[in-house]
Amino acid sequence: MMRLNPREVDSLSHGIDRRHFLGCTALTLLGCTRPDDISGDFTGIHHGRGHLLQAARAGSEPSVTHQTDVLIVGGGVAGLAAARALHLKGVSDFALLELEDTCGGNSRSGMVGAMACPQGAHYLPLPGADAWEVQDLLEELGLRRRVAGRWVIDERHLCHSPQERLFFNGAWQEGLLPLHGVDAATLTQYRQFAILVEQARARERWTIPVSKSPVTPLKQALAAITFESYLNQHGLHDEHLRWYLNYCCCDDYGAGLASVSAWAGIHYFASRHGFSVPGMDFPERDGLLTWPQGNAWLTQRLAAPLADRLHNGQVVLRIVEVKHGVEVEAFNTSKQRLERWQARRAIVALPIFVAARVLQNPPEFLRQAAARTTYAPWLVANIHIKTALHDRPGAAPSWDNVLYGDAQGAPGLGYVDAMHQNLQRVPGATVLTYYRALGDAPGGPNAARQLLLNQPWATWRDAILRELAQAHPDLPGKTTRIDITRYGHAMVLPVPGDLYKNVLHSPSNKHNKLQNSEQFKIQNGRLTFAHSDWAGYSVFEEAFTLGHHAA
């Protein structure tokens, strides 16, 4: 890992490691509770398992050999979708290997104060017709059903109102687009951007999954520049508009408008509900599916039918194609031994950079894909509070709560309330799940990964409390525990470059065309690759669709 000079460390840690927070000002802020009274730890990810790779490789031959027809390597959303698809096809002779103790990848959950809470992805927008694979899953799980000829969503799983609010100019407002107190010039820029989005929607087809719409010259032109450059070209400089668009990019991609492509910035709105502005006629936004444990509600149900075909705690060391199939060596963390798996074929549902490392003699397209793929680090903190917070004026407590501010004052993406779906008549103890994307950290993603690995838990605790106390001065005094999950390579960053660049250069698309408008499959010999990385957009729909078609 790269080393940072003192100036870079100070820049990265701005708002995180200032000792003054523990001094008199902090004690005033925290009331009668000191930070040291708040318990917690790093949870969710076993970073130490990566170090088992070298130790295991130094050992002898595998002590046991398993055989199966199809082996799925990786138990994130893509791997679980592949397992479900195999089952639907009547294939029962398969096994799935997962690094962690539970499946789900970025869609896993934990318990804090006996309450379920997400450790990553926390909602699923209602999928459109292009994501029919996900729609089928929702029907299978009873989340949607046909009534009198139309589809109806089980309202118990829809995000309840109020859905979102913004702490802006010292008060809470409904919605996340800054509105209270903004001037006419700001509203004009909002409308100008809304028109640009509608023009893009009129010219092109925008879909989720991205593979369901064609690559066009306009999309390629947008993919070649940053979103910031696009806004500059159109004279959109308003600070409130830029704050909101930066927030949206960080929320969906892990970095802001100076990092992601203009295609990513437009796709965020054009593929779903447009850009809604007061005074303009727009359709109502689609609903969201959410649960206290976030999208782990979905991955837990995908994993449950696998039974003994699911093997957790498996550190995959090597994948190699042999004469009649595929061999995989993995270190079994529960039995502390090296094991071999033999299969007719394998579905590699791993992040691209991991697949390139564990695949013996990786093909050129995979090496190139790993070299050109950038990842955003993330931090997720679950904050248990023992009683309800006193609220500032304005909008009522919501599911999603965001603070307006710059990278120093409010670097996070706000928090969601794990108990919001319970519709408690009398608010009480709950877990607030706080998110921070680190794709734009000074020094780049590698520096942010080093910071995540080395920064003590207590330093993150203090920074998070100080940030949220701007809107909730009583939060530190009511906090009992904070559990923090760190993702060094949480999601692929859609930085400027060729659209679908990894898929277009794979063996399945040698002529630089997607196979068809319904799907793409990345295949090389007896290996099929499935992960949201290949779509360049890390959301549930992308991962699930790629996993489904890989099987």
Protein backbone atom coordinates (compact mmCIF):
# COMPACT_ATOMS: atom_id res chain seq x y z
CA MET A 1 0.00 0.00 0.00
CA MET A 2 1.19 3.53 -0.74
CA ARG A 3 2.63 5.72 2.02
CA LEU A 4 1.30 9.20 2.69
CA ASN A 5 3.33 12.26 3.52
CA PRO A 6 2.30 14.24 6.64
CA ARG A 7 0.48 16.90 4.61
CA GLU A 8 -1.65 14.27 2.85
CA VAL A 9 -2.50 12.59 6.15
CA ASP A 10 -3.56 15.92 7.64
CA SER A 11 -5.74 16.63 4.60
CA LEU A 12 -7.39 13.23 4.66
CA SER A 13 -8.04 13.43 8.37
CA HIS A 14 -9.54 16.92 8.35
CA GLY A 15 -12.58 16.73 10.58
CA ILE A 16 -11.55 13.29 11.83
CA ASP A 17 -8.52 13.35 14.12
CA ARG A 18 -8.65 16.82 15.67
CA ARG A 19 -7.85 16.37 19.36
CA HIS A 20 -9.77 19.51 20.20
CA PHE A 21 -12.95 17.44 19.81
CA LEU A 22 -12.05 15.69 23.04
CA GLY A 23 -11.47 18.98 24.85
CA CYS A 24 -13.78 21.50 26.46
CA THR A 25 -15.80 22.19 23.31
CA ALA A 26 -16.53 18.49 22.91
CA LEU A 27 -17.60 18.05 26.52
CA THR A 28 -20.05 20.91 26.09
CA LEU A 29 -21.39 19.24 22.96
CA LEU A 30 -21.68 15.81 24.51
CA GLY A 31 -23.35 16.90 27.72
CA CYS A 32 -22.83 14.37 30.50
CA THR A 33 -21.64 11.57 28.19
CA ARG A 34 -18.00 11.28 27.19
CA PRO A 35 -17.01 9.66 23.87
CA ASP A 36 -15.15 6.96 25.80
CA ASP A 37 -18.50 5.81 27.24
CA ILE A 38 -19.67 4.83 23.74
CA SER A 39 -18.77 1.26 22.81
CA GLY A 40 -18.26 -0.16 19.35
CA ASP A 41 -15.89 -1.80 16.92
CA PHE A 42 -15.12 -2.47 13.27
CA THR A 43 -17.55 -5.13 12.08
CA GLY A 44 -18.85 -6.87 8.99
CA ILE A 45 -15.62 -7.45 7.04
CA HIS A 46 -12.78 -9.83 7.96
CA HIS A 47 -9.88 -7.84 6.57
CA GLY A 48 -7.42 -10.29 8.12
CA ARG A 49 -8.59 -13.08 5.83
CA GLY A 50 -6.74 -11.47 2.96
CA HIS A 51 -3.50 -12.20 4.80
CA LEU A 52 -4.35 -15.89 4.83
CA LEU A 53 -3.57 -16.04 1.13
CA GLN A 54 0.20 -16.09 1.56
CA ALA A 55 0.13 -18.43 4.55
CA ALA A 56 -2.11 -20.91 2.73
CA ARG A 57 -0.02 -20.82 -0.43
CA ALA A 58 3.02 -21.77 1.60
CA GLY A 59 1.33 -25.04 2.61
CA SER A 60 1.26 -28.42 0.94
CA GLU A 61 -1.31 -30.00 -1.34
CA PRO A 62 -5.01 -29.59 -0.47
CA SER A 63 -6.09 -32.04 2.21
CA VAL A 64 -9.48 -32.78 0.65
CA THR A 65 -11.02 -32.59 -2.84
CA HIS A 66 -14.68 -31.78 -3.57
CA GLN A 67 -16.45 -32.31 -6.87
CA THR A 68 -19.48 -30.53 -8.28
CA ASP A 69 -20.91 -29.77 -11.71
CA VAL A 70 -20.96 -25.97 -11.44
CA LEU A 71 -18.95 -23.94 -8.95
CA ILE A 72 -19.93 -20.35 -8.13
CA VAL A 73 -17.07 -18.31 -6.70
CA GLY A 74 -18.39 -15.31 -4.75
CA GLY A 75 -21.57 -14.93 -2.73
CA GLY A 76 -22.57 -11.34 -3.43
CA VAL A 77 -25.77 -10.45 -5.28
CA ALA A 78 -24.42 -11.75 -8.61
CA GLY A 79 -23.34 -15.08 -7.16
CA LEU A 80 -26.65 -15.55 -5.34
CA ALA A 81 -28.57 -14.67 -8.50
CA ALA A 82 -26.56 -17.28 -10.43
CA ALA A 83 -27.38 -19.91 -7.81
CA ARG A 84 -31.08 -19.08 -8.04
CA ALA A 85 -30.98 -19.26 -11.83
CA LEU A 86 -29.30 -22.67 -11.75
CA HIS A 87 -32.01 -23.91 -9.40
CA LEU A 88 -34.73 -22.56 -11.71
CA LYS A 89 -33.10 -24.47 -14.59
CA GLY A 90 -33.24 -27.69 -12.58
CA VAL A 91 -29.50 -27.79 -11.87
CA SER A 92 -28.93 -28.99 -8.30
CA ASP A 93 -25.30 -30.12 -8.51
CA PHE A 94 -23.55 -26.86 -7.72
CA ALA A 95 -21.73 -25.18 -4.85
CA LEU A 96 -21.10 -21.56 -3.88
CA LEU A 97 -17.92 -20.36 -2.13
CA GLU A 98 -18.05 -17.11 -0.12
CA LEU A 99 -15.20 -15.31 1.66
CA GLU A 100 -17.17 -13.90 4.59
CA ASP A 101 -19.26 -15.73 7.18
CA THR A 102 -22.48 -14.54 5.53
CA CYS A 103 -23.43 -13.95 1.90
CA GLY A 104 -24.59 -10.72 0.36
CA GLY A 105 -21.49 -8.71 -0.50
CA ASN A 106 -22.43 -5.04 -0.05
CA SER A 107 -25.99 -6.14 0.80
CA ARG A 108 -25.42 -7.63 4.23
CA SER A 109 -26.63 -6.62 7.66
CA GLY A 110 -25.81 -6.73 11.34
CA MET A 111 -27.42 -6.31 14.76
CA VAL A 112 -26.83 -3.37 17.08
CA GLY A 113 -28.75 -3.11 20.34
CA ALA A 114 -30.86 -6.13 19.28
CA MET A 115 -31.95 -4.20 16.16
CA ALA A 116 -31.30 -5.25 12.56
CA CYS A 117 -29.52 -2.64 10.46
CA PRO A 118 -27.78 -2.53 7.07
CA GLN A 119 -24.02 -2.77 6.66
CA GLY A 120 -24.26 -1.53 3.09
CA ALA A 121 -27.01 -1.16 0.47
CA HIS A 122 -30.25 -0.17 2.14
CA TYR A 123 -32.95 0.10 -0.54
CA LEU A 124 -34.11 -1.10 -3.95
CA PRO A 125 -36.01 1.23 -6.29
CA LEU A 126 -39.04 -0.43 -7.82
CA PRO A 127 -37.59 -2.03 -10.97
CA GLY A 128 -38.92 -1.10 -14.37
CA ALA A 129 -39.81 -3.43 -17.22
CA ASP A 130 -36.18 -3.56 -18.39
CA ALA A 131 -35.22 -5.28 -15.14
CA TRP A 132 -37.64 -8.15 -15.63
CA GLU A 133 -35.21 -10.51 -13.91
CA VAL A 134 -35.52 -8.51 -10.69
CA GLN A 135 -39.28 -8.18 -11.16
CA ASP A 136 -39.50 -11.98 -11.29
CA LEU A 137 -37.57 -12.19 -8.03
CA LEU A 138 -39.95 -9.74 -6.35
CA GLU A 139 -42.90 -11.82 -7.51
CA GLU A 140 -41.26 -14.99 -6.21
CA LEU A 141 -40.73 -13.36 -2.81
CA GLY A 142 -44.32 -12.11 -2.63
CA LEU A 143 -43.35 -8.46 -2.88
CA ARG A 144 -45.50 -7.91 -5.94
CA ARG A 145 -48.55 -9.70 -7.31
CA ARG A 146 -51.07 -9.24 -10.09
CA VAL A 147 -54.49 -7.96 -8.97
CA ALA A 148 -57.29 -7.31 -11.48
CA GLY A 149 -54.80 -7.27 -14.33
CA ARG A 150 -52.27 -4.87 -12.78
CA TRP A 151 -49.19 -5.32 -10.65
CA VAL A 152 -49.51 -4.33 -6.99
CA ILE A 153 -46.59 -3.91 -4.57
CA ASP A 154 -46.91 -5.09 -0.97
CA GLU A 155 -47.05 -1.71 0.78
CA ARG A 156 -45.54 -3.13 3.98
CA HIS A 157 -42.19 -3.18 2.19
CA LEU A 158 -42.40 0.24 0.55
CA CYS A 159 -40.53 3.07 2.22
CA HIS A 160 -43.01 4.85 4.47
CA SER A 161 -43.50 8.61 4.50
CA PRO A 162 -41.92 10.93 5.27
CA GLN A 163 -39.20 9.54 3.03
CA GLU A 164 -36.39 12.12 2.96
CA ARG A 165 -35.37 15.52 4.33
CA LEU A 166 -32.42 17.92 4.25
CA PHE A 167 -30.87 19.95 7.07
CA PHE A 168 -30.37 23.25 5.27
CA ASN A 169 -29.89 26.79 6.60
CA GLY A 170 -30.37 25.66 10.20
CA ALA A 171 -33.67 23.81 9.69
CA TRP A 172 -35.08 20.62 8.19
CA GLN A 173 -36.85 20.81 4.81
CA GLU A 174 -38.76 18.12 2.94
CA GLY A 175 -36.85 16.56 0.04
CA LEU A 176 -33.12 16.70 -0.67
CA LEU A 177 -32.99 19.45 -3.32
CA PRO A 178 -32.12 22.70 -1.46
CA LEU A 179 -35.18 24.96 -1.69
CA HIS A 180 -35.80 26.98 1.47
CA GLY A 181 -34.44 30.47 1.05
CA VAL A 182 -32.80 29.96 -2.36
CA ASP A 183 -33.12 32.82 -4.85
CA ALA A 184 -34.63 33.01 -8.32
CA ALA A 185 -31.27 32.46 -10.02
CA THR A 186 -30.90 29.09 -8.27
CA LEU A 187 -34.40 28.00 -9.28
CA THR A 188 -33.62 29.00 -12.87
CA GLN A 189 -30.53 26.77 -12.89
CA TYR A 190 -32.57 23.91 -11.43
CA ARG A 191 -35.01 24.26 -14.35
CA GLN A 192 -32.21 24.48 -16.91
CA PHE A 193 -30.73 21.20 -15.70
CA ALA A 194 -34.18 19.58 -15.63
CA ILE A 195 -34.65 20.54 -19.30
CA LEU A 196 -31.26 19.02 -20.21
CA VAL A 197 -32.25 15.75 -18.54
CA GLU A 198 -35.58 15.67 -20.38
CA GLN A 199 -33.84 16.38 -23.69
CA ALA A 200 -31.47 13.47 -23.05
CA ARG A 201 -34.43 11.21 -22.25
CA ALA A 202 -36.17 12.26 -25.45
CA ARG A 203 -33.09 11.52 -27.60
CA GLU A 204 -31.96 8.24 -26.06
CA ARG A 205 -33.20 5.17 -24.24
CA TRP A 206 -31.84 4.99 -20.67
CA THR A 207 -32.24 1.72 -18.82
CA ILE A 208 -31.34 -0.16 -15.69
CA PRO A 209 -29.68 -2.56 -16.30
CA VAL A 210 -27.49 -0.54 -18.65
CA SER A 211 -27.11 -3.50 -21.01
CA LYS A 212 -30.75 -3.18 -22.06
CA SER A 213 -30.10 0.00 -24.08
CA PRO A 214 -27.63 0.52 -26.93
CA VAL A 215 -24.32 2.34 -26.91
CA THR A 216 -24.83 5.56 -28.88
CA PRO A 217 -22.57 8.44 -29.96
CA LEU A 218 -24.27 10.76 -27.45
CA LYS A 219 -23.73 8.36 -24.55
CA GLN A 220 -20.13 7.79 -25.57
CA ALA A 221 -19.55 11.56 -25.75
CA LEU A 222 -21.01 11.97 -22.25
CA ALA A 223 -18.91 9.06 -20.99
CA ALA A 224 -15.72 10.74 -22.22
CA ILE A 225 -15.93 13.80 -19.93
CA THR A 226 -16.56 14.45 -16.26
CA PHE A 227 -19.97 15.51 -15.03
CA GLU A 228 -18.35 18.73 -13.79
CA SER A 229 -17.12 19.51 -17.32
CA TYR A 230 -20.62 18.91 -18.66
CA LEU A 231 -22.11 21.37 -16.17
CA ASN A 232 -19.43 23.92 -17.07
CA GLN A 233 -20.25 23.56 -20.76
CA HIS A 234 -23.89 24.42 -20.03
CA GLY A 235 -23.15 27.30 -17.68
CA LEU A 236 -24.56 25.53 -14.61
CA HIS A 237 -22.50 26.95 -11.76
CA ASP A 238 -25.06 27.42 -8.98
CA GLU A 239 -23.62 26.18 -5.68
CA HIS A 240 -26.87 24.59 -4.49
CA LEU A 241 -27.42 22.73 -7.75
CA ARG A 242 -23.84 21.52 -7.72
CA TRP A 243 -24.09 20.43 -4.09
CA TYR A 244 -27.17 18.35 -4.87
CA LEU A 245 -25.72 16.77 -8.01
CA ASN A 246 -22.47 16.03 -6.16
CA TYR A 247 -24.47 14.39 -3.37
CA CYS A 248 -26.39 12.25 -5.89
CA CYS A 249 -23.17 11.07 -7.55
CA CYS A 250 -21.52 10.25 -4.22
CA ASP A 251 -24.66 8.42 -3.08
CA ASP A 252 -24.95 6.25 -6.19
CA TYR A 253 -21.34 5.96 -7.36
CA GLY A 254 -19.03 6.71 -4.42
CA ALA A 255 -17.49 9.94 -5.78
CA GLY A 256 -18.65 13.37 -6.86
CA LEU A 257 -19.24 15.23 -10.10
CA ALA A 258 -15.54 16.07 -10.55
CA SER A 259 -14.74 12.34 -10.71
CA VAL A 260 -17.61 10.52 -12.40
CA SER A 261 -18.47 10.78 -16.07
CA ALA A 262 -21.21 12.99 -17.47
CA TRP A 263 -22.90 9.79 -18.65
CA ALA A 264 -23.12 8.64 -15.01
CA GLY A 265 -24.47 12.02 -13.91
CA ILE A 266 -27.22 12.07 -16.54
CA HIS A 267 -27.97 8.36 -16.22
CA TYR A 268 -28.74 8.83 -12.51
CA PHE A 269 -31.83 10.87 -13.44
CA ALA A 270 -32.64 9.82 -17.00
CA SER A 271 -32.89 6.10 -16.21
CA ARG A 272 -35.42 6.64 -13.41
CA HIS A 273 -37.57 9.65 -12.53
CA GLY A 274 -35.96 12.62 -14.23
CA PHE A 275 -35.02 15.75 -12.29
CA SER A 276 -38.02 17.16 -10.45
CA VAL A 277 -38.23 20.92 -9.86
CA PRO A 278 -41.07 22.92 -8.25
CA GLY A 279 -43.22 24.55 -10.87
CA MET A 280 -42.47 21.97 -13.56
CA ASP A 281 -44.73 19.05 -14.44
CA PHE A 282 -43.00 15.75 -13.68
CA PRO A 283 -44.38 12.28 -12.93
CA GLU A 284 -44.38 11.15 -9.33
CA ARG A 285 -41.18 9.45 -8.25
CA ASP A 286 -41.20 5.68 -8.10
CA GLY A 287 -41.37 4.05 -4.71
CA LEU A 288 -38.53 2.38 -2.85
CA LEU A 289 -38.41 -1.03 -1.21
CA THR A 290 -36.55 -0.98 2.09
CA TRP A 291 -36.24 -2.98 5.28
CA PRO A 292 -34.56 -2.43 8.68
CA GLN A 293 -31.66 -4.62 7.52
CA GLY A 294 -31.58 -3.00 4.08
CA ASN A 295 -31.05 -5.16 1.00
CA ALA A 296 -29.86 -7.98 3.24
CA TRP A 297 -33.57 -8.83 3.42
CA LEU A 298 -33.24 -9.88 -0.21
CA THR A 299 -29.85 -11.61 -0.05
CA GLN A 300 -30.83 -13.59 3.04
CA ARG A 301 -33.79 -15.01 1.15
CA LEU A 302 -31.63 -15.79 -1.86
CA ALA A 303 -29.13 -17.63 0.35
CA ALA A 304 -31.63 -19.59 2.49
CA PRO A 305 -32.54 -22.28 -0.11
CA LEU A 306 -28.89 -23.10 -0.82
CA ALA A 307 -28.49 -25.08 2.43
CA ASP A 308 -25.33 -27.23 2.31
CA ARG A 309 -24.45 -25.98 -1.18
CA LEU A 310 -23.37 -22.70 0.42
CA HIS A 311 -19.84 -22.68 1.86
CA ASN A 312 -18.95 -19.54 3.82
CA GLY A 313 -15.51 -18.62 5.13
CA GLN A 314 -13.72 -19.75 1.96
CA VAL A 315 -10.62 -17.77 0.91
CA VAL A 316 -10.27 -18.56 -2.80
CA LEU A 317 -6.57 -18.70 -3.69
CA ARG A 318 -6.45 -19.99 -7.24
CA ILE A 319 -8.78 -20.65 -10.17
CA VAL A 320 -7.39 -22.60 -13.10
CA GLU A 321 -8.88 -24.17 -16.21
CA VAL A 322 -7.78 -27.79 -16.69
CA LYS A 323 -8.32 -30.23 -19.51
CA HIS A 324 -11.83 -31.32 -18.56
CA GLY A 325 -13.03 -28.51 -16.33
CA VAL A 326 -12.02 -26.05 -13.65
CA GLU A 327 -10.06 -26.44 -10.41
CA VAL A 328 -10.31 -24.03 -7.49
CA GLU A 329 -8.17 -24.01 -4.37
CA ALA A 330 -9.62 -22.38 -1.28
CA PHE A 331 -8.60 -22.03 2.35
CA ASN A 332 -11.40 -23.16 4.66
CA THR A 333 -11.24 -20.73 7.61
CA SER A 334 -13.42 -22.82 9.92
CA LYS A 335 -11.39 -26.02 9.44
CA GLN A 336 -8.09 -24.18 8.85
CA ARG A 337 -7.14 -26.24 5.84
CA LEU A 338 -6.54 -25.95 2.13
CA GLU A 339 -9.20 -27.62 -0.03
CA ARG A 340 -9.62 -28.27 -3.76
CA TRP A 341 -12.81 -27.99 -5.77
CA GLN A 342 -13.24 -29.63 -9.18
CA ALA A 343 -16.11 -28.63 -11.48
CA ARG A 344 -17.15 -28.87 -15.10
CA ARG A 345 -17.39 -25.09 -15.26
CA ALA A 346 -17.33 -22.09 -12.91
CA ILE A 347 -19.13 -18.78 -12.53
CA VAL A 348 -16.64 -16.20 -11.25
CA ALA A 349 -18.83 -13.76 -9.33
CA LEU A 350 -15.91 -11.77 -7.93
CA PRO A 351 -14.91 -8.12 -8.29
CA ILE A 352 -12.76 -7.70 -11.39
CA PHE A 353 -9.58 -6.89 -9.48
CA VAL A 354 -9.97 -10.02 -7.32
CA ALA A 355 -10.76 -12.25 -10.30
CA ALA A 356 -7.58 -11.04 -12.03
CA ARG A 357 -5.51 -11.97 -8.99
CA VAL A 358 -6.85 -15.45 -8.28
CA LEU A 359 -7.26 -16.65 -11.87
CA GLN A 360 -4.12 -18.46 -12.93
CA ASN A 361 -2.74 -16.94 -16.14
CA PRO A 362 -5.65 -14.49 -16.46
CA PRO A 363 -6.62 -13.69 -20.05
CA GLU A 364 -5.57 -10.34 -21.46
CA PHE A 365 -9.09 -8.89 -21.41
CA LEU A 366 -9.33 -9.55 -17.66
CA ARG A 367 -5.91 -8.02 -16.94
CA GLN A 368 -6.86 -4.93 -18.92
CA ALA A 369 -10.23 -4.69 -17.22
CA ALA A 370 -8.58 -4.83 -13.79
CA ALA A 371 -6.04 -2.16 -14.79
CA ARG A 372 -8.69 0.30 -15.96
CA THR A 373 -11.26 -0.24 -13.20
CA THR A 374 -11.30 2.24 -10.30
CA TYR A 375 -13.04 1.53 -6.99
CA ALA A 376 -14.54 3.83 -4.37
CA PRO A 377 -13.93 3.06 -0.69
CA TRP A 378 -16.89 3.44 1.70
CA LEU A 379 -17.55 3.62 5.41
CA VAL A 380 -20.87 2.61 7.00
CA ALA A 381 -21.52 3.31 10.69
CA ASN A 382 -24.48 1.95 12.66
CA ILE A 383 -25.22 4.25 15.58
CA HIS A 384 -27.41 2.97 18.42
CA ILE A 385 -29.24 5.67 20.34
CA LYS A 386 -31.09 4.88 23.56
CA THR A 387 -33.93 7.36 23.12
CA ALA A 388 -35.44 9.60 20.45
CA LEU A 389 -33.58 12.72 19.38
CA HIS A 390 -34.83 16.24 19.90
CA ASP A 391 -35.40 17.67 16.45
CA ARG A 392 -34.59 21.05 14.97
CA PRO A 393 -37.43 23.04 13.34
CA GLY A 394 -38.91 22.01 10.01
CA ALA A 395 -39.72 18.70 8.38
CA ALA A 396 -40.50 15.68 10.54
CA PRO A 397 -38.01 12.82 11.09
CA SER A 398 -37.67 10.81 7.89
CA TRP A 399 -36.22 7.56 6.67
CA ASP A 400 -33.36 9.34 4.85
CA ASN A 401 -31.83 12.38 6.59
CA VAL A 402 -29.07 14.43 4.92
CA LEU A 403 -26.97 17.39 6.09
CA TYR A 404 -26.10 20.15 3.64
CA GLY A 405 -22.44 21.14 3.78
CA ASP A 406 -18.99 20.91 2.24
CA ALA A 407 -16.37 18.16 2.46
CA GLN A 408 -15.05 19.58 5.73
CA GLY A 409 -18.27 20.33 7.60
CA ALA A 410 -20.49 17.52 6.35
CA PRO A 411 -18.46 14.94 4.40
CA GLY A 412 -20.99 12.15 4.90
CA LEU A 413 -24.19 11.29 3.06
CA GLY A 414 -26.44 11.51 6.11
CA TYR A 415 -28.21 8.58 7.75
CA VAL A 416 -31.23 6.32 7.47
CA ASP A 417 -33.34 5.25 10.45
CA ALA A 418 -33.56 1.47 10.84
CA MET A 419 -36.79 1.75 12.86
CA HIS A 420 -38.58 4.08 10.43
CA GLN A 421 -40.42 1.20 8.77
CA ASN A 422 -41.88 0.12 12.13
CA LEU A 423 -44.02 3.27 12.37
CA GLN A 424 -43.56 3.57 16.10
CA ARG A 425 -46.23 5.72 17.73
CA VAL A 426 -43.75 6.86 20.36
CA PRO A 427 -40.22 7.16 18.96
CA GLY A 428 -37.62 5.45 21.09
CA ALA A 429 -34.35 3.59 20.76
CA THR A 430 -33.20 3.07 17.19
CA VAL A 431 -30.17 2.59 14.95
CA LEU A 432 -29.09 5.34 12.59
CA THR A 433 -27.04 4.06 9.64
CA TYR A 434 -24.54 6.69 8.51
CA TYR A 435 -22.79 6.57 5.12
CA ARG A 436 -19.61 8.18 3.86
CA ALA A 437 -18.23 7.71 0.32
CA LEU A 438 -14.45 8.14 0.05
CA GLY A 439 -13.89 8.03 -3.70
CA ASP A 440 -12.94 11.73 -3.72
CA ALA A 441 -10.62 11.65 -0.70
CA PRO A 442 -7.38 13.67 -1.04
CA GLY A 443 -4.67 11.46 -2.46
CA GLY A 444 -7.18 9.29 -4.30
CA PRO A 445 -8.90 5.97 -3.50
CA ASN A 446 -5.64 4.23 -2.50
CA ALA A 447 -4.97 6.87 0.13
CA ALA A 448 -8.55 6.53 1.37
CA ARG A 449 -8.13 2.75 1.65
CA GLN A 450 -5.02 3.25 3.75
CA LEU A 451 -6.93 5.68 5.95
CA LEU A 452 -9.78 3.19 6.40
CA LEU A 453 -7.34 0.46 7.36
CA ASN A 454 -5.20 2.49 9.74
CA GLN A 455 -7.48 5.10 11.30
CA PRO A 456 -8.60 3.97 14.80
CA TRP A 457 -12.25 3.28 15.44
CA ALA A 458 -12.41 6.03 18.07
CA THR A 459 -11.24 8.63 15.57
CA TRP A 460 -14.06 7.75 13.16
CA ARG A 461 -16.51 7.71 16.07
CA ASP A 462 -15.59 11.26 17.09
CA ALA A 463 -15.75 12.61 13.54
CA ILE A 464 -19.18 11.09 12.87
CA LEU A 465 -20.62 12.37 16.15
CA ARG A 466 -19.33 15.86 15.52
CA GLU A 467 -20.76 15.96 12.01
CA LEU A 468 -24.25 14.75 12.95
CA ALA A 469 -24.35 16.91 16.09
CA GLN A 470 -24.72 19.95 13.81
CA ALA A 471 -28.31 18.84 13.25
CA HIS A 472 -28.73 16.82 16.47
CA PRO A 473 -26.81 18.41 19.39
CA ASP A 474 -28.16 15.71 21.73
CA LEU A 475 -27.02 12.78 19.55
CA PRO A 476 -23.62 12.19 21.22
CA GLY A 477 -25.18 12.11 24.67
CA LYS A 478 -27.79 9.53 23.57
CA THR A 479 -25.42 7.26 21.67
CA THR A 480 -24.51 3.95 23.31
CA ARG A 481 -22.69 2.11 20.54
CA ILE A 482 -21.26 2.66 17.05
CA ASP A 483 -20.30 -0.28 14.82
CA ILE A 484 -18.34 0.63 11.69
CA THR A 485 -18.02 -1.38 8.47
CA ARG A 486 -15.19 -0.51 6.08
CA TYR A 487 -15.19 -1.31 2.37
CA GLY A 488 -11.86 -0.74 0.64
CA HIS A 489 -13.29 -1.57 -2.80
CA ALA A 490 -17.00 -0.98 -2.25
CA MET A 491 -18.07 -0.15 -5.77
CA VAL A 492 -16.72 0.53 -9.23
CA LEU A 493 -16.39 4.22 -10.12
CA PRO A 494 -17.84 5.23 -13.52
CA VAL A 495 -14.97 7.56 -14.37
CA PRO A 496 -14.64 9.04 -17.88
CA GLY A 497 -13.82 6.43 -20.53
CA ASP A 498 -15.50 4.12 -23.02
CA LEU A 499 -19.01 3.15 -22.05
CA TYR A 500 -19.30 -0.60 -21.31
CA LYS A 501 -15.51 -0.66 -21.75
CA ASN A 502 -14.98 -3.94 -19.90
CA VAL A 503 -17.78 -5.83 -21.64
CA LEU A 504 -16.94 -4.52 -25.09
CA HIS A 505 -13.41 -5.90 -24.85
CA SER A 506 -14.36 -9.31 -23.48
CA PRO A 507 -14.16 -12.48 -25.63
CA SER A 508 -17.96 -12.62 -25.84
CA ASN A 509 -18.00 -9.28 -27.65
CA LYS A 510 -14.96 -9.43 -29.94
CA HIS A 511 -16.56 -7.11 -32.47
CA ASN A 512 -17.17 -4.40 -29.86
CA LYS A 513 -20.93 -4.91 -29.83
CA LEU A 514 -23.17 -6.13 -27.06
CA GLN A 515 -24.58 -9.55 -27.85
CA ASN A 516 -28.15 -8.26 -27.90
CA SER A 517 -30.37 -5.71 -26.25
CA GLU A 518 -31.55 -8.10 -23.55
CA GLN A 519 -28.35 -9.30 -21.91
CA PHE A 520 -24.64 -9.68 -22.11
CA LYS A 521 -22.53 -12.54 -20.88
CA ILE A 522 -18.78 -12.37 -20.26
CA GLN A 523 -17.40 -15.82 -20.99
CA ASN A 524 -13.92 -17.25 -21.52
CA GLY A 525 -13.61 -21.00 -21.99
CA ARG A 526 -15.21 -22.79 -19.04
CA LEU A 527 -15.38 -19.59 -16.98
CA THR A 528 -18.28 -17.14 -16.97
CA PHE A 529 -17.82 -13.80 -15.18
CA ALA A 530 -20.65 -12.12 -13.30
CA HIS A 531 -20.35 -9.03 -11.11
CA SER A 532 -21.75 -5.49 -11.21
CA ASP A 533 -18.18 -4.33 -11.98
CA TRP A 534 -18.68 -5.47 -15.57
CA ALA A 535 -21.59 -3.06 -15.99
CA GLY A 536 -19.56 -0.19 -14.55
CA TYR A 537 -22.46 0.62 -12.22
CA SER A 538 -22.71 -1.01 -8.79
CA VAL A 539 -26.40 -1.42 -8.03
CA PHE A 540 -28.54 -4.45 -7.18
CA GLU A 541 -30.24 -4.61 -10.58
CA GLU A 542 -26.93 -4.78 -12.46
CA ALA A 543 -25.42 -7.46 -10.25
CA PHE A 544 -28.57 -9.58 -10.18
CA THR A 545 -29.08 -9.45 -13.96
CA LEU A 546 -25.47 -10.40 -14.74
CA GLY A 547 -25.59 -13.27 -12.25
CA HIS A 548 -28.90 -14.52 -13.60
CA HIS A 549 -27.68 -14.67 -17.20
CA ALA A 550 -24.30 -16.14 -16.27
CA ALA A 551 -26.14 -19.27 -15.16
